[in-house]
């Protein structure tokens, strides 16, 4: 059962990793992932995956400077 969505990041060599953030909607998680991807230099891609963890974060327009 999906309770939340988590941002995931792809790194060179095929490694895929996320963090502890969990969002109520796939759109929030994707917005967070995209904002982080735009400022980080290590990831080569990003995505979102469902999670059974409870929601613990809310993405807002103010978070764009992550």
PDB file of N, CA and C in Angstrom:
ATOM      1  N   UNK A   1       0.827  -1.180   0.000  1.00  0.00           N
ATOM      2  CA  UNK A   1       0.000   0.000   0.000  1.00  0.00           C
ATOM      3  C   UNK A   1       0.872   1.245   0.000  1.00  0.00           C
ATOM      4  N   UNK A   2       0.648   2.122  -0.961  1.00  0.00           N
ATOM      5  CA  UNK A   2       1.429   3.345  -1.066  1.00  0.00           C
ATOM      6  C   UNK A   2       0.880   4.410  -0.123  1.00  0.00           C
ATOM      7  N   UNK A   3       1.712   4.855   0.800  1.00  0.00           N
ATOM      8  CA  UNK A   3       1.351   5.946   1.701  1.00  0.00           C
ATOM      9  C   UNK A   3       1.979   7.259   1.276  1.00  0.00           C
ATOM     10  N   UNK A   4       3.079   7.166   0.527  1.00  0.00           N
ATOM     11  CA  UNK A   4       3.822   8.366   0.168  1.00  0.00           C
ATOM     12  C   UNK A   4       4.644   8.094  -1.097  1.00  0.00           C
ATOM     13  N   UNK A   5       5.352   9.128  -1.535  1.00  0.00           N
ATOM     14  CA  UNK A   5       6.242   9.029  -2.692  1.00  0.00           C
ATOM     15  C   UNK A   5       7.589   9.608  -2.296  1.00  0.00           C
ATOM     16  N   UNK A   6       8.660   9.023  -2.819  1.00  0.00           N
ATOM     17  CA  UNK A   6       9.993   9.503  -2.471  1.00  0.00           C
ATOM     18  C   UNK A   6      10.803   9.813  -3.716  1.00  0.00           C
ATOM     19  N   UNK A   7      11.557  10.919  -3.681  1.00  0.00           N
ATOM     20  CA  UNK A   7      12.421  11.265  -4.792  1.00  0.00           C
ATOM     21  C   UNK A   7      13.598  10.284  -4.852  1.00  0.00           C
ATOM     22  N   UNK A   8      13.972   9.914  -6.052  1.00  0.00           N
ATOM     23  CA  UNK A   8      15.104   9.013  -6.251  1.00  0.00           C
ATOM     24  C   UNK A   8      16.065   9.665  -7.236  1.00  0.00           C
ATOM     25  N   UNK A   9      17.353   9.378  -7.076  1.00  0.00           N
ATOM     26  CA  UNK A   9      18.370   9.968  -7.933  1.00  0.00           C
ATOM     27  C   UNK A   9      19.268   8.879  -8.501  1.00  0.00           C
ATOM     28  N   UNK A  10      19.594   9.020  -9.773  1.00  0.00           N
ATOM     29  CA  UNK A  10      20.487   8.070 -10.446  1.00  0.00           C
ATOM     30  C   UNK A  10      21.865   8.705 -10.562  1.00  0.00           C
ATOM     31  N   UNK A  11      22.887   7.904 -10.276  1.00  0.00           N
ATOM     32  CA  UNK A  11      24.264   8.372 -10.340  1.00  0.00           C
ATOM     33  C   UNK A  11      25.038   7.564 -11.377  1.00  0.00           C
ATOM     34  N   UNK A  12      26.165   8.091 -11.809  1.00  0.00           N
ATOM     35  CA  UNK A  12      27.015   7.393 -12.747  1.00  0.00           C
ATOM     36  C   UNK A  12      27.308   5.996 -12.223  1.00  0.00           C
ATOM     37  N   UNK A  13      27.249   5.012 -13.088  1.00  0.00           N
ATOM     38  CA  UNK A  13      27.479   3.633 -12.682  1.00  0.00           C
ATOM     39  C   UNK A  13      26.185   2.901 -12.371  1.00  0.00           C
ATOM     40  N   UNK A  14      25.037   3.600 -12.498  1.00  0.00           N
ATOM     41  CA  UNK A  14      23.752   2.965 -12.291  1.00  0.00           C
ATOM     42  C   UNK A  14      23.232   2.954 -10.865  1.00  0.00           C
ATOM     43  N   UNK A  15      23.974   3.536  -9.928  1.00  0.00           N
ATOM     44  CA  UNK A  15      23.497   3.580  -8.537  1.00  0.00           C
ATOM     45  C   UNK A  15      22.257   4.465  -8.444  1.00  0.00           C
ATOM     46  N   UNK A  16      21.244   4.001  -7.740  1.00  0.00           N
ATOM     47  CA  UNK A  16      20.030   4.774  -7.513  1.00  0.00           C
ATOM     48  C   UNK A  16      19.841   4.909  -6.010  1.00  0.00           C
ATOM     49  N   UNK A  17      19.630   6.142  -5.553  1.00  0.00           N
ATOM     50  CA  UNK A  17      19.496   6.388  -4.115  1.00  0.00           C
ATOM     51  C   UNK A  17      18.463   7.478  -3.867  1.00  0.00           C
ATOM     52  N   UNK A  18      17.901   7.461  -2.673  1.00  0.00           N
ATOM     53  CA  UNK A  18      16.952   8.479  -2.251  1.00  0.00           C
ATOM     54  C   UNK A  18      17.366   9.005  -0.893  1.00  0.00           C
ATOM     55  N   UNK A  19      16.465   9.771  -0.281  1.00  0.00           N
ATOM     56  CA  UNK A  19      16.727  10.261   1.062  1.00  0.00           C
ATOM     57  C   UNK A  19      15.506   9.967   1.927  1.00  0.00           C
ATOM     58  N   UNK A  20      15.409  10.568   3.066  1.00  0.00           N
ATOM     59  CA  UNK A  20      14.327  10.258   4.007  1.00  0.00           C
ATOM     60  C   UNK A  20      13.038  11.031   3.739  1.00  0.00           C
ATOM     61  N   UNK A  21      13.051  11.938   2.764  1.00  0.00           N
ATOM     62  CA  UNK A  21      11.839  12.708   2.490  1.00  0.00           C
ATOM     63  C   UNK A  21      10.759  11.833   1.866  1.00  0.00           C
ATOM     64  N   UNK A  22       9.513  12.001   2.354  1.00  0.00           N
ATOM     65  CA  UNK A  22       8.351  11.297   1.820  1.00  0.00           C
ATOM     66  C   UNK A  22       7.245  12.317   1.610  1.00  0.00           C
ATOM     67  N   UNK A  23       6.645  12.310   0.431  1.00  0.00           N
ATOM     68  CA  UNK A  23       5.643  13.285   0.046  1.00  0.00           C
ATOM     69  C   UNK A  23       4.285  12.643  -0.143  1.00  0.00           C
ATOM     70  N   UNK A  24       3.229  13.422   0.046  1.00  0.00           N
ATOM     71  CA  UNK A  24       1.867  12.914  -0.078  1.00  0.00           C
ATOM     72  C   UNK A  24       1.507  12.613  -1.531  1.00  0.00           C
ATOM     73  N   UNK A  25       2.089  13.358  -2.467  1.00  0.00           N
ATOM     74  CA  UNK A  25       1.741  13.147  -3.868  1.00  0.00           C
ATOM     75  C   UNK A  25       2.978  12.894  -4.713  1.00  0.00           C
ATOM     76  N   UNK A  26       2.765  12.208  -5.816  1.00  0.00           N
ATOM     77  CA  UNK A  26       3.852  11.958  -6.762  1.00  0.00           C
ATOM     78  C   UNK A  26       4.354  13.281  -7.339  1.00  0.00           C
ATOM     79  N   UNK A  27       3.445  14.223  -7.578  1.00  0.00           N
ATOM     80  CA  UNK A  27       3.824  15.527  -8.129  1.00  0.00           C
ATOM     81  C   UNK A  27       4.756  16.292  -7.189  1.00  0.00           C
ATOM     82  N   UNK A  28       4.476  16.267  -5.883  1.00  0.00           N
ATOM     83  CA  UNK A  28       5.354  16.927  -4.909  1.00  0.00           C
ATOM     84  C   UNK A  28       6.742  16.295  -4.928  1.00  0.00           C
ATOM     85  N   UNK A  29       6.791  14.973  -4.923  1.00  0.00           N
ATOM     86  CA  UNK A  29       8.077  14.270  -4.921  1.00  0.00           C
ATOM     87  C   UNK A  29       8.857  14.569  -6.198  1.00  0.00           C
ATOM     88  N   UNK A  30       8.166  14.614  -7.329  1.00  0.00           N
ATOM     89  CA  UNK A  30       8.826  14.907  -8.597  1.00  0.00           C
ATOM     90  C   UNK A  30       9.340  16.346  -8.611  1.00  0.00           C
ATOM     91  N   UNK A  31       8.576  17.289  -8.089  1.00  0.00           N
ATOM     92  CA  UNK A  31       9.029  18.686  -8.017  1.00  0.00           C
ATOM     93  C   UNK A  31      10.264  18.808  -7.149  1.00  0.00           C
ATOM     94  N   UNK A  32      10.276  18.114  -6.033  1.00  0.00           N
ATOM     95  CA  UNK A  32      11.448  18.128  -5.156  1.00  0.00           C
ATOM     96  C   UNK A  32      12.662  17.531  -5.852  1.00  0.00           C
ATOM     97  N   UNK A  33      12.460  16.394  -6.496  1.00  0.00           N
ATOM     98  CA  UNK A  33      13.569  15.740  -7.198  1.00  0.00           C
ATOM     99  C   UNK A  33      14.123  16.633  -8.303  1.00  0.00           C
ATOM    100  N   UNK A  34      13.237  17.265  -9.061  1.00  0.00           N
ATOM    101  CA  UNK A  34      13.673  18.138 -10.146  1.00  0.00           C
ATOM    102  C   UNK A  34      14.452  19.333  -9.606  1.00  0.00           C
ATOM    103  N   UNK A  35      13.979  19.940  -8.508  1.00  0.00           N
ATOM    104  CA  UNK A  35      14.669  21.090  -7.923  1.00  0.00           C
ATOM    105  C   UNK A  35      16.061  20.701  -7.442  1.00  0.00           C
ATOM    106  N   UNK A  36      16.178  19.554  -6.794  1.00  0.00           N
ATOM    107  CA  UNK A  36      17.493  19.096  -6.320  1.00  0.00           C
ATOM    108  C   UNK A  36      18.410  18.752  -7.492  1.00  0.00           C
ATOM    109  N   UNK A  37      17.845  18.093  -8.497  1.00  0.00           N
ATOM    110  CA  UNK A  37      18.631  17.687  -9.659  1.00  0.00           C
ATOM    111  C   UNK A  37      19.238  18.907 -10.359  1.00  0.00           C
ATOM    112  N   UNK A  38      18.515  20.010 -10.379  1.00  0.00           N
ATOM    113  CA  UNK A  38      18.998  21.208 -11.060  1.00  0.00           C
ATOM    114  C   UNK A  38      20.181  21.872 -10.362  1.00  0.00           C
ATOM    115  N   UNK A  39      20.360  21.614  -9.063  1.00  0.00           N
ATOM    116  CA  UNK A  39      21.464  22.256  -8.348  1.00  0.00           C
ATOM    117  C   UNK A  39      22.583  21.293  -7.956  1.00  0.00           C
ATOM    118  N   UNK A  40      22.303  20.012  -7.938  1.00  0.00           N
ATOM    119  CA  UNK A  40      23.343  19.035  -7.623  1.00  0.00           C
ATOM    120  C   UNK A  40      24.180  18.742  -8.861  1.00  0.00           C
ATOM    121  N   UNK A  41      25.416  18.319  -8.673  1.00  0.00           N
ATOM    122  CA  UNK A  41      26.280  18.014  -9.807  1.00  0.00           C
ATOM    123  C   UNK A  41      26.512  16.518  -9.993  1.00  0.00           C
ATOM    124  N   UNK A  42      26.264  15.713  -8.993  1.00  0.00           N
ATOM    125  CA  UNK A  42      26.544  14.273  -9.076  1.00  0.00           C
ATOM    126  C   UNK A  42      25.473  13.444  -9.797  1.00  0.00           C
ATOM    127  N   UNK A  43      24.177  13.682  -9.584  1.00  0.00           N
ATOM    128  CA  UNK A  43      23.177  12.821 -10.223  1.00  0.00           C
ATOM    129  C   UNK A  43      23.157  12.990 -11.740  1.00  0.00           C
ATOM    130  N   UNK A  44      22.818  11.924 -12.439  1.00  0.00           N
ATOM    131  CA  UNK A  44      22.662  11.960 -13.893  1.00  0.00           C
ATOM    132  C   UNK A  44      21.197  11.816 -14.281  1.00  0.00           C
ATOM    133  N   UNK A  45      20.304  11.622 -13.296  1.00  0.00           N
ATOM    134  CA  UNK A  45      18.880  11.498 -13.551  1.00  0.00           C
ATOM    135  C   UNK A  45      18.104  11.467 -12.252  1.00  0.00           C
ATOM    136  N   UNK A  46      16.778  11.530 -12.373  1.00  0.00           N
ATOM    137  CA  UNK A  46      15.929  11.470 -11.176  1.00  0.00           C
ATOM    138  C   UNK A  46      14.595  10.838 -11.523  1.00  0.00           C
ATOM    139  N   UNK A  47      13.896  10.342 -10.508  1.00  0.00           N
ATOM    140  CA  UNK A  47      12.586   9.733 -10.683  1.00  0.00           C
ATOM    141  C   UNK A  47      11.869   9.741  -9.337  1.00  0.00           C
ATOM    142  N   UNK A  48      10.716   9.109  -9.291  1.00  0.00           N
ATOM    143  CA  UNK A  48       9.926   9.008  -8.065  1.00  0.00           C
ATOM    144  C   UNK A  48       9.466   7.572  -7.935  1.00  0.00           C
ATOM    145  N   UNK A  49       9.427   7.061  -6.715  1.00  0.00           N
ATOM    146  CA  UNK A  49       8.877   5.722  -6.517  1.00  0.00           C
ATOM    147  C   UNK A  49       7.931   5.719  -5.319  1.00  0.00           C
ATOM    148  N   UNK A  50       6.906   4.875  -5.377  1.00  0.00           N
ATOM    149  CA  UNK A  50       5.984   4.762  -4.250  1.00  0.00           C
ATOM    150  C   UNK A  50       6.703   4.222  -3.016  1.00  0.00           C
ATOM    151  N   UNK A  51       6.199   4.590  -1.862  1.00  0.00           N
ATOM    152  CA  UNK A  51       6.794   4.154  -0.607  1.00  0.00           C
ATOM    153  C   UNK A  51       5.695   3.782   0.382  1.00  0.00           C
ATOM    154  N   UNK A  52       5.968   2.820   1.231  1.00  0.00           N
ATOM    155  CA  UNK A  52       5.038   2.432   2.290  1.00  0.00           C
ATOM    156  C   UNK A  52       5.244   3.267   3.548  1.00  0.00           C
ATOM    157  N   UNK A  53       6.217   4.187   3.520  1.00  0.00           N
ATOM    158  CA  UNK A  53       6.500   5.056   4.666  1.00  0.00           C
ATOM    159  C   UNK A  53       5.469   6.175   4.764  1.00  0.00           C
ATOM    160  N   UNK A  54       5.221   6.689   5.966  1.00  0.00           N
ATOM    161  CA  UNK A  54       4.288   7.809   6.114  1.00  0.00           C
ATOM    162  C   UNK A  54       4.883   9.098   5.537  1.00  0.00           C
ATOM    163  N   UNK A  55       4.023  10.013   5.139  1.00  0.00           N
ATOM    164  CA  UNK A  55       4.439  11.320   4.639  1.00  0.00           C
ATOM    165  C   UNK A  55       5.123  12.079   5.768  1.00  0.00           C
ATOM    166  N   UNK A  56       6.278  12.740   5.434  1.00  0.00           N
ATOM    167  CA  UNK A  56       6.978  13.520   6.447  1.00  0.00           C
ATOM    168  C   UNK A  56       7.470  14.861   5.908  1.00  0.00           C
ATOM    169  N   UNK A  57       7.036  15.234   4.720  1.00  0.00           N
ATOM    170  CA  UNK A  57       7.513  16.476   4.126  1.00  0.00           C
ATOM    171  C   UNK A  57       6.483  16.980   3.131  1.00  0.00           C
ATOM    172  N   UNK A  58       6.409  18.300   2.945  1.00  0.00           N
ATOM    173  CA  UNK A  58       5.522  18.905   1.959  1.00  0.00           C
ATOM    174  C   UNK A  58       6.345  19.835   1.098  1.00  0.00           C
ATOM    175  N   UNK A  59       6.269  19.686  -0.222  1.00  0.00           N
ATOM    176  CA  UNK A  59       7.007  20.532  -1.143  1.00  0.00           C
ATOM    177  C   UNK A  59       6.183  21.763  -1.467  1.00  0.00           C
ATOM    178  N   UNK A  60       6.802  22.941  -1.372  1.00  0.00           N
ATOM    179  CA  UNK A  60       6.138  24.190  -1.723  1.00  0.00           C
ATOM    180  C   UNK A  60       7.006  24.951  -2.710  1.00  0.00           C
ATOM    181  N   UNK A  61       6.456  25.990  -3.324  1.00  0.00           N
ATOM    182  CA  UNK A  61       7.210  26.809  -4.263  1.00  0.00           C
ATOM    183  C   UNK A  61       8.445  27.425  -3.604  1.00  0.00           C
ATOM    184  N   UNK A  62       8.410  27.613  -2.292  1.00  0.00           N
ATOM    185  CA  UNK A  62       9.546  28.171  -1.573  1.00  0.00           C
ATOM    186  C   UNK A  62      10.725  27.199  -1.532  1.00  0.00           C
ATOM    187  N   UNK A  63      10.471  25.905  -1.788  1.00  0.00           N
ATOM    188  CA  UNK A  63      11.518  24.893  -1.726  1.00  0.00           C
ATOM    189  C   UNK A  63      12.359  24.835  -2.986  1.00  0.00           C
ATOM    190  N   UNK A  64      12.076  25.647  -3.981  1.00  0.00           N
ATOM    191  CA  UNK A  64      12.779  25.573  -5.252  1.00  0.00           C
ATOM    192  C   UNK A  64      14.259  25.858  -5.105  1.00  0.00           C
ATOM    193  N   UNK A  65      14.679  26.560  -4.068  1.00  0.00           N
ATOM    194  CA  UNK A  65      16.091  26.888  -3.872  1.00  0.00           C
ATOM    195  C   UNK A  65      16.830  25.821  -3.065  1.00  0.00           C
ATOM    196  N   UNK A  66      16.322  24.622  -3.037  1.00  0.00           N
ATOM    197  CA  UNK A  66      16.929  23.523  -2.249  1.00  0.00           C
ATOM    198  C   UNK A  66      18.383  23.347  -2.615  1.00  0.00           C
TER     199      UNK A  66
END
